[in-house]
Amino acid sequence: MRYSKIFQYAYLVFAVLFIYDGIIKLKDGIDGAYLSLGLAALAIFMYFFRRKFSKKYDNNHKS
């Protein structure tokens, strides 16, 4: 279960990288900025999704 906690935070790291990339692309007027920001939103969603199911698994495993 330790690995799932590492991957949870990896999603946040990727979200920050995609947000940075999207902002840089928006400032430069390069196409694909919205794709980077969309991927950042997906990574944030996956973080909360994985965290929810990790807590659910831990609660069921303790019982």
N, C-alpha and C. Protein backbone atom coordinates (compact mmCIF):
# COMPACT_ATOMS: atom_id res chain seq x y z
N MET A 1 0.82 -1.19 0.00
CA MET A 1 0.00 0.00 0.00
C MET A 1 0.87 1.26 0.00
N ARG A 2 2.13 1.10 0.34
CA ARG A 2 3.04 2.24 0.35
C ARG A 2 3.20 2.84 -1.04
N TYR A 3 3.19 1.98 -2.06
CA TYR A 3 3.40 2.47 -3.41
C TYR A 3 2.25 3.36 -3.86
N SER A 4 1.04 3.07 -3.43
CA SER A 4 -0.08 3.91 -3.85
C SER A 4 0.04 5.32 -3.28
N LYS A 5 0.61 5.45 -2.09
CA LYS A 5 0.81 6.79 -1.53
C LYS A 5 1.88 7.56 -2.32
N ILE A 6 2.88 6.87 -2.80
CA ILE A 6 3.91 7.51 -3.62
C ILE A 6 3.29 7.98 -4.94
N PHE A 7 2.45 7.14 -5.54
CA PHE A 7 1.82 7.51 -6.80
C PHE A 7 0.81 8.64 -6.62
N GLN A 8 0.20 8.72 -5.45
CA GLN A 8 -0.72 9.83 -5.19
C GLN A 8 0.02 11.16 -5.31
N TYR A 9 1.17 11.24 -4.70
CA TYR A 9 1.93 12.48 -4.74
C TYR A 9 2.59 12.70 -6.09
N ALA A 10 2.83 11.64 -6.83
CA ALA A 10 3.36 11.78 -8.19
C ALA A 10 2.33 12.48 -9.08
N TYR A 11 1.05 12.20 -8.86
CA TYR A 11 0.01 12.90 -9.62
C TYR A 11 0.06 14.40 -9.35
N LEU A 12 0.31 14.80 -8.11
CA LEU A 12 0.41 16.22 -7.80
C LEU A 12 1.62 16.85 -8.46
N VAL A 13 2.72 16.13 -8.50
CA VAL A 13 3.93 16.64 -9.15
C VAL A 13 3.67 16.86 -10.64
N PHE A 14 3.02 15.88 -11.27
CA PHE A 14 2.69 16.02 -12.68
C PHE A 14 1.71 17.17 -12.91
N ALA A 15 0.77 17.36 -11.99
CA ALA A 15 -0.17 18.47 -12.12
C ALA A 15 0.56 19.80 -12.10
N VAL A 16 1.51 19.96 -11.20
CA VAL A 16 2.27 21.21 -11.13
C VAL A 16 3.07 21.41 -12.42
N LEU A 17 3.67 20.35 -12.93
CA LEU A 17 4.43 20.47 -14.17
C LEU A 17 3.54 20.84 -15.35
N PHE A 18 2.36 20.24 -15.44
CA PHE A 18 1.45 20.56 -16.53
C PHE A 18 0.90 21.98 -16.41
N ILE A 19 0.65 22.44 -15.19
CA ILE A 19 0.19 23.81 -15.00
C ILE A 19 1.27 24.79 -15.45
N TYR A 20 2.50 24.52 -15.05
CA TYR A 20 3.63 25.37 -15.47
C TYR A 20 3.74 25.39 -16.99
N ASP A 21 3.67 24.22 -17.60
CA ASP A 21 3.77 24.12 -19.06
C ASP A 21 2.62 24.86 -19.73
N GLY A 22 1.42 24.73 -19.20
CA GLY A 22 0.27 25.42 -19.78
C GLY A 22 0.38 26.92 -19.68
N ILE A 23 0.86 27.42 -18.56
CA ILE A 23 1.02 28.87 -18.41
C ILE A 23 2.07 29.41 -19.36
N ILE A 24 3.17 28.70 -19.50
CA ILE A 24 4.23 29.13 -20.43
C ILE A 24 3.69 29.14 -21.87
N LYS A 25 2.93 28.12 -22.22
CA LYS A 25 2.38 28.06 -23.58
C LYS A 25 1.35 29.16 -23.82
N LEU A 26 0.57 29.50 -22.79
CA LEU A 26 -0.41 30.58 -22.93
C LEU A 26 0.28 31.92 -23.16
N LYS A 27 1.35 32.16 -22.43
CA LYS A 27 2.08 33.42 -22.57
C LYS A 27 2.74 33.54 -23.94
N ASP A 28 3.25 32.43 -24.46
CA ASP A 28 3.93 32.46 -25.75
C ASP A 28 2.97 32.34 -26.92
N GLY A 29 1.72 32.02 -26.66
CA GLY A 29 0.74 31.89 -27.73
C GLY A 29 0.85 30.59 -28.49
N ILE A 30 1.45 29.59 -27.89
CA ILE A 30 1.64 28.29 -28.54
C ILE A 30 0.37 27.46 -28.37
N ASP A 31 0.00 26.75 -29.43
CA ASP A 31 -1.16 25.85 -29.34
C ASP A 31 -0.85 24.71 -28.37
N GLY A 32 -1.87 24.21 -27.74
CA GLY A 32 -1.70 23.09 -26.83
C GLY A 32 -1.69 23.49 -25.37
N ALA A 33 -1.90 24.76 -25.10
CA ALA A 33 -1.91 25.21 -23.70
C ALA A 33 -3.10 24.60 -22.96
N TYR A 34 -4.24 24.55 -23.64
CA TYR A 34 -5.43 24.02 -22.99
C TYR A 34 -5.32 22.52 -22.76
N LEU A 35 -4.57 21.85 -23.61
CA LEU A 35 -4.33 20.43 -23.41
C LEU A 35 -3.51 20.20 -22.14
N SER A 36 -2.48 21.00 -21.95
CA SER A 36 -1.65 20.88 -20.75
C SER A 36 -2.46 21.19 -19.49
N LEU A 37 -3.30 22.21 -19.56
CA LEU A 37 -4.12 22.54 -18.40
C LEU A 37 -5.18 21.48 -18.14
N GLY A 38 -5.68 20.86 -19.20
CA GLY A 38 -6.63 19.76 -19.04
C GLY A 38 -5.98 18.54 -18.40
N LEU A 39 -4.75 18.26 -18.80
CA LEU A 39 -4.03 17.14 -18.19
C LEU A 39 -3.71 17.43 -16.72
N ALA A 40 -3.47 18.69 -16.40
CA ALA A 40 -3.25 19.06 -15.01
C ALA A 40 -4.51 18.83 -14.19
N ALA A 41 -5.65 19.20 -14.75
CA ALA A 41 -6.93 18.96 -14.07
C ALA A 41 -7.17 17.46 -13.88
N LEU A 42 -6.84 16.68 -14.89
CA LEU A 42 -6.98 15.22 -14.79
C LEU A 42 -6.06 14.65 -13.72
N ALA A 43 -4.85 15.14 -13.62
CA ALA A 43 -3.90 14.66 -12.61
C ALA A 43 -4.39 15.01 -11.21
N ILE A 44 -4.96 16.19 -11.04
CA ILE A 44 -5.50 16.56 -9.73
C ILE A 44 -6.68 15.68 -9.38
N PHE A 45 -7.56 15.42 -10.36
CA PHE A 45 -8.68 14.52 -10.14
C PHE A 45 -8.20 13.14 -9.74
N MET A 46 -7.18 12.63 -10.42
CA MET A 46 -6.66 11.30 -10.11
C MET A 46 -6.05 11.26 -8.72
N TYR A 47 -5.44 12.35 -8.27
CA TYR A 47 -4.89 12.40 -6.92
C TYR A 47 -6.00 12.18 -5.88
N PHE A 48 -7.08 12.95 -6.02
CA PHE A 48 -8.17 12.82 -5.06
C PHE A 48 -8.88 11.48 -5.18
N PHE A 49 -9.00 10.96 -6.39
CA PHE A 49 -9.63 9.66 -6.62
C PHE A 49 -8.82 8.55 -5.96
N ARG A 50 -7.51 8.56 -6.18
CA ARG A 50 -6.66 7.53 -5.58
C ARG A 50 -6.62 7.64 -4.07
N ARG A 51 -6.62 8.89 -3.56
CA ARG A 51 -6.60 9.10 -2.11
C ARG A 51 -7.87 8.57 -1.47
N LYS A 52 -9.00 8.78 -2.11
CA LYS A 52 -10.28 8.30 -1.57
C LYS A 52 -10.29 6.78 -1.48
N PHE A 53 -9.88 6.12 -2.55
CA PHE A 53 -9.91 4.67 -2.55
C PHE A 53 -8.80 4.08 -1.69
N SER A 54 -7.71 4.78 -1.51
CA SER A 54 -6.67 4.32 -0.59
C SER A 54 -7.17 4.33 0.84
N LYS A 55 -7.88 5.40 1.22
CA LYS A 55 -8.46 5.47 2.56
C LYS A 55 -9.53 4.41 2.75
N LYS A 56 -10.33 4.19 1.71
CA LYS A 56 -11.38 3.16 1.79
C LYS A 56 -10.74 1.78 1.99
N TYR A 57 -9.67 1.50 1.25
CA TYR A 57 -8.98 0.22 1.37
C TYR A 57 -8.38 0.06 2.76
N ASP A 58 -7.76 1.12 3.28
CA ASP A 58 -7.16 1.04 4.61
C ASP A 58 -8.20 0.81 5.69
N ASN A 59 -9.35 1.46 5.58
CA ASN A 59 -10.42 1.27 6.55
C ASN A 59 -10.99 -0.14 6.49
N ASN A 60 -11.15 -0.69 5.30
CA ASN A 60 -11.65 -2.05 5.17
C ASN A 60 -10.60 -3.07 5.60
N HIS A 61 -9.36 -2.75 5.40
CA HIS A 61 -8.30 -3.68 5.76
C HIS A 61 -8.10 -3.74 7.27
N LYS A 62 -8.32 -2.65 7.96
CA LYS A 62 -8.16 -2.61 9.41
C LYS A 62 -9.30 -3.34 10.13
N SER A 63 -10.48 -3.35 9.51
CA SER A 63 -11.65 -3.99 10.15
C SER A 63 -11.59 -5.48 10.08
